[in-house]
Amino acid sequence: MSPNGMPDRLAVSEGCGRTGADGFSLLEVLVVLVLTIILSTLAVSFAHARLDQSRTAGAAWYVAGRLGLARLEAVRRSAYVALQFVERDGRYRFATYVDGNRNGVRTRDIALNVDRRLGPEEELDHQFPQVAFGICEGVSAIEPGDTLEGGDPIRIGQSTLLSFSPDGSATSGTIYIRGRQLSQYAVRVLGTTGRTRILRFDFQNQRWSAP
């Protein structure tokens, strides 16, 4: 208590401008703020990476499901059924077609409306934002000795059609699907059985494996 009856001011403690026993210096506050910003940035980045991975995986399973449905439709109808993948303006669209004249699904017959389309034409990123048919930089081929030269994500020979026959067999091929970040999946179709298999590329170990 001061002589005039007023309480004494709190003494200023030594070091870095600390005010009061429970106060914090400006330097300490800045350190806490910087750490908070760094941790928040890391958390957001991790969340975005997980979301990208999840969307890309979902897209791969969706395409595999569409291929499986095409195979079932071919067996049910006792007719060839195919998915056609077409690139326009750098974007891939795909749709399912059924053979209309017993000679298999052909590009010319699709143009003439002989082979009818089953359902609407689709784009992958309409259902899976920022996911597309594509190959990330640094991804190696699934089979040793193969090459991904050219970057074409639809690997079904020279055709745009992946066909399924009435006995369930199919065109062999691989469809590559990528996310916005380092998320890479592939859907493989085995010709003899017509079955599909999903693979994920591990960028750290540089190899493909089942997800």
Protein backbone atom coordinates (compact mmCIF):
# COMPACT_ATOMS: atom_id res chain seq x y z
CA MET A 1 0.00 0.00 0.00
CA SER A 2 1.37 3.42 -0.92
CA PRO A 3 1.48 6.34 1.53
CA ASN A 4 -1.59 7.94 -0.12
CA GLY A 5 -3.65 4.81 0.45
CA MET A 6 -3.53 3.54 -3.18
CA PRO A 7 -2.46 -0.06 -3.89
CA ASP A 8 1.03 -0.51 -5.28
CA ARG A 9 1.31 -1.32 -8.99
CA LEU A 10 2.40 -4.83 -9.86
CA ALA A 11 6.14 -5.00 -10.11
CA VAL A 12 7.55 -5.69 -13.53
CA SER A 13 9.42 -8.99 -13.42
CA GLU A 14 12.74 -9.41 -15.02
CA GLY A 15 13.35 -10.82 -18.53
CA CYS A 16 11.64 -10.41 -21.91
CA GLY A 17 9.07 -7.88 -20.74
CA ARG A 18 7.02 -10.35 -18.66
CA THR A 19 4.29 -8.46 -16.77
CA GLY A 20 3.04 -10.02 -13.61
CA ALA A 21 3.53 -13.50 -12.20
CA ASP A 22 1.11 -15.08 -14.70
CA GLY A 23 1.81 -12.88 -17.73
CA PHE A 24 3.36 -13.83 -21.06
CA SER A 25 5.97 -12.01 -23.04
CA LEU A 26 5.39 -10.89 -26.62
CA LEU A 27 8.00 -13.40 -27.79
CA GLU A 28 6.20 -16.29 -26.12
CA VAL A 29 2.87 -15.23 -27.64
CA LEU A 30 4.44 -15.06 -31.11
CA VAL A 31 5.98 -18.52 -30.71
CA VAL A 32 2.60 -19.97 -29.73
CA LEU A 33 0.91 -18.28 -32.70
CA VAL A 34 3.50 -19.57 -35.16
CA LEU A 35 3.22 -23.11 -33.80
CA THR A 36 -0.57 -22.93 -33.99
CA ILE A 37 -0.44 -21.79 -37.62
CA ILE A 38 2.04 -24.54 -38.55
CA LEU A 39 -0.03 -27.27 -36.88
CA SER A 40 -3.23 -25.96 -38.46
CA THR A 41 -1.61 -25.95 -41.91
CA LEU A 42 -0.35 -29.49 -41.44
CA ALA A 43 -3.78 -30.64 -40.27
CA VAL A 44 -5.54 -29.06 -43.27
CA SER A 45 -2.95 -30.49 -45.67
CA PHE A 46 -3.36 -33.96 -44.17
CA ALA A 47 -7.15 -33.69 -44.37
CA HIS A 48 -6.99 -32.64 -48.03
CA ALA A 49 -4.65 -35.54 -48.83
CA ARG A 50 -6.96 -38.02 -47.10
CA LEU A 51 -9.98 -36.61 -48.93
CA ASP A 52 -8.17 -36.81 -52.26
CA GLN A 53 -7.15 -40.41 -51.56
CA SER A 54 -10.70 -41.30 -50.56
CA ARG A 55 -12.24 -39.72 -53.67
CA THR A 56 -9.75 -41.41 -55.98
CA ALA A 57 -10.34 -44.80 -54.37
CA GLY A 58 -14.09 -44.26 -54.64
CA ALA A 59 -13.76 -43.44 -58.34
CA ALA A 60 -11.72 -46.60 -58.95
CA TRP A 61 -14.33 -48.75 -57.24
CA TYR A 62 -17.07 -46.99 -59.17
CA VAL A 63 -15.42 -47.69 -62.54
CA ALA A 64 -14.81 -51.29 -61.52
CA GLY A 65 -18.48 -51.54 -60.60
CA ARG A 66 -19.55 -50.15 -63.97
CA LEU A 67 -17.35 -52.70 -65.72
CA GLY A 68 -18.82 -55.47 -63.59
CA LEU A 69 -22.35 -54.38 -64.48
CA ALA A 70 -21.44 -54.35 -68.18
CA ARG A 71 -20.18 -57.92 -67.87
CA LEU A 72 -23.39 -59.04 -66.15
CA GLU A 73 -25.46 -57.26 -68.81
CA ALA A 74 -23.58 -59.05 -71.58
CA VAL A 75 -24.27 -62.44 -70.01
CA ARG A 76 -27.91 -61.57 -69.29
CA ARG A 77 -28.62 -60.31 -72.80
CA SER A 78 -26.45 -62.92 -74.54
CA ALA A 79 -24.94 -60.01 -76.47
CA TYR A 80 -21.74 -58.03 -76.51
CA VAL A 81 -21.73 -55.03 -74.16
CA ALA A 82 -18.92 -52.47 -74.06
CA LEU A 83 -17.83 -49.32 -72.28
CA GLN A 84 -16.52 -46.65 -74.64
CA PHE A 85 -14.01 -44.08 -73.37
CA VAL A 86 -13.79 -40.94 -75.49
CA GLU A 87 -11.51 -37.94 -74.96
CA ARG A 88 -12.90 -34.51 -75.80
CA ASP A 89 -11.16 -31.26 -74.94
CA GLY A 90 -8.77 -33.08 -72.63
CA ARG A 91 -11.56 -34.74 -70.65
CA TYR A 92 -12.67 -38.36 -70.83
CA ARG A 93 -16.29 -39.39 -71.05
CA PHE A 94 -17.60 -42.93 -70.94
CA ALA A 95 -20.85 -44.76 -71.66
CA THR A 96 -22.13 -48.32 -72.02
CA TYR A 97 -23.32 -49.73 -75.37
CA VAL A 98 -24.97 -52.99 -76.42
CA ASP A 99 -24.40 -54.80 -79.70
CA GLY A 100 -27.35 -54.34 -82.06
CA ASN A 101 -26.41 -56.49 -85.05
CA ARG A 102 -24.55 -59.49 -83.61
CA ASN A 103 -21.07 -58.43 -84.75
CA GLY A 104 -19.80 -56.97 -81.47
CA VAL A 105 -19.86 -53.37 -80.30
CA ARG A 106 -18.10 -51.20 -82.88
CA THR A 107 -17.34 -47.51 -83.11
CA ARG A 108 -18.97 -47.27 -86.55
CA ASP A 109 -22.16 -48.97 -85.33
CA ILE A 110 -22.28 -46.60 -82.33
CA ALA A 111 -22.10 -43.62 -84.70
CA LEU A 112 -24.93 -45.13 -86.80
CA ASN A 113 -26.98 -45.82 -83.65
CA VAL A 114 -26.99 -49.53 -84.46
CA ASP A 115 -25.29 -50.30 -81.16
CA ARG A 116 -27.49 -48.54 -78.62
CA ARG A 117 -26.31 -46.68 -75.57
CA LEU A 118 -27.44 -47.99 -72.19
CA GLY A 119 -27.77 -45.03 -69.86
CA PRO A 120 -26.24 -41.56 -69.99
CA GLU A 121 -22.71 -40.55 -70.89
CA GLU A 122 -20.65 -39.82 -67.78
CA GLU A 123 -17.62 -37.82 -66.65
CA LEU A 124 -15.74 -39.09 -63.65
CA ASP A 125 -15.33 -35.76 -61.87
CA HIS A 126 -19.06 -35.12 -61.90
CA GLN A 127 -19.36 -37.64 -59.08
CA PHE A 128 -15.81 -37.48 -57.77
CA PRO A 129 -14.59 -33.85 -57.83
CA GLN A 130 -10.96 -33.30 -58.90
CA VAL A 131 -10.57 -36.97 -59.89
CA ALA A 132 -9.91 -37.90 -63.52
CA PHE A 133 -8.65 -40.61 -65.83
CA GLY A 134 -4.92 -39.95 -65.82
CA ILE A 135 -1.44 -40.96 -64.71
CA CYS A 136 0.53 -39.03 -62.09
CA GLU A 137 4.12 -38.10 -62.75
CA GLY A 138 6.55 -40.66 -61.35
CA VAL A 139 4.18 -43.63 -61.62
CA SER A 140 5.73 -46.81 -63.00
CA ALA A 141 4.04 -49.47 -65.13
CA ILE A 142 2.27 -52.34 -63.39
CA GLU A 143 4.04 -55.06 -65.34
CA PRO A 144 7.86 -55.07 -65.44
CA GLY A 145 9.09 -54.06 -68.85
CA ASP A 146 5.93 -52.18 -69.75
CA THR A 147 5.96 -48.45 -70.34
CA LEU A 148 3.52 -45.65 -69.67
CA GLU A 149 4.95 -43.57 -72.47
CA GLY A 150 2.45 -41.09 -73.87
CA GLY A 151 0.49 -40.85 -70.63
CA ASP A 152 -2.68 -42.41 -72.08
CA PRO A 153 -4.76 -43.52 -69.06
CA ILE A 154 -7.03 -45.82 -71.11
CA ARG A 155 -4.88 -48.83 -71.97
CA ILE A 156 -7.08 -51.15 -74.05
CA GLY A 157 -4.96 -51.44 -77.16
CA GLN A 158 -5.79 -49.14 -80.05
CA SER A 159 -9.52 -49.21 -79.33
CA THR A 160 -11.71 -46.91 -77.25
CA LEU A 161 -13.96 -49.86 -76.40
CA LEU A 162 -13.64 -52.30 -73.53
CA SER A 163 -15.98 -55.13 -74.51
CA PHE A 164 -17.57 -58.04 -72.67
CA SER A 165 -18.81 -61.10 -74.51
CA PRO A 166 -21.92 -63.21 -73.74
CA ASP A 167 -19.71 -65.84 -72.06
CA GLY A 168 -18.32 -63.26 -69.61
CA SER A 169 -14.86 -62.87 -71.11
CA ALA A 170 -13.57 -59.41 -71.97
CA THR A 171 -11.04 -57.18 -73.65
CA SER A 172 -7.92 -57.10 -71.49
CA GLY A 173 -6.87 -53.66 -70.36
CA THR A 174 -5.98 -51.22 -67.63
CA ILE A 175 -7.67 -47.93 -66.78
CA TYR A 176 -5.65 -45.42 -64.74
CA ILE A 177 -7.37 -43.01 -62.36
CA ARG A 178 -5.64 -40.15 -60.55
CA GLY A 179 -6.53 -37.60 -57.92
CA ARG A 180 -5.47 -33.98 -57.62
CA GLN A 181 -2.51 -34.85 -55.42
CA LEU A 182 -0.42 -38.02 -55.29
CA SER A 183 -3.31 -40.46 -55.48
CA GLN A 184 -3.05 -43.09 -58.21
CA TYR A 185 -5.24 -46.11 -58.82
CA ALA A 186 -5.65 -48.56 -61.67
CA VAL A 187 -8.55 -50.81 -62.67
CA ARG A 188 -7.40 -53.92 -64.50
CA VAL A 189 -9.66 -56.17 -66.56
CA LEU A 190 -8.61 -59.79 -67.02
CA GLY A 191 -9.56 -60.92 -70.52
CA THR A 192 -10.22 -64.64 -69.91
CA THR A 193 -12.54 -64.20 -66.94
CA GLY A 194 -13.68 -60.61 -67.44
CA ARG A 195 -13.01 -59.95 -63.76
CA THR A 196 -11.70 -56.62 -62.51
CA ARG A 197 -8.92 -55.89 -60.06
CA ILE A 198 -8.11 -52.59 -58.34
CA LEU A 199 -4.54 -51.56 -57.59
CA ARG A 200 -3.07 -48.55 -55.77
CA PHE A 201 0.34 -47.05 -56.43
CA ASP A 202 2.57 -46.54 -53.38
CA PHE A 203 4.71 -43.49 -54.17
CA GLN A 204 7.01 -44.05 -51.20
CA ASN A 205 7.91 -47.63 -52.17
CA GLN A 206 7.36 -47.15 -55.91
CA ARG A 207 5.17 -50.19 -56.39
CA TRP A 208 1.61 -51.28 -57.09
CA SER A 209 -0.44 -53.26 -54.59
CA ALA A 210 -4.03 -54.07 -53.69
CA PRO A 211 -5.63 -51.25 -51.66
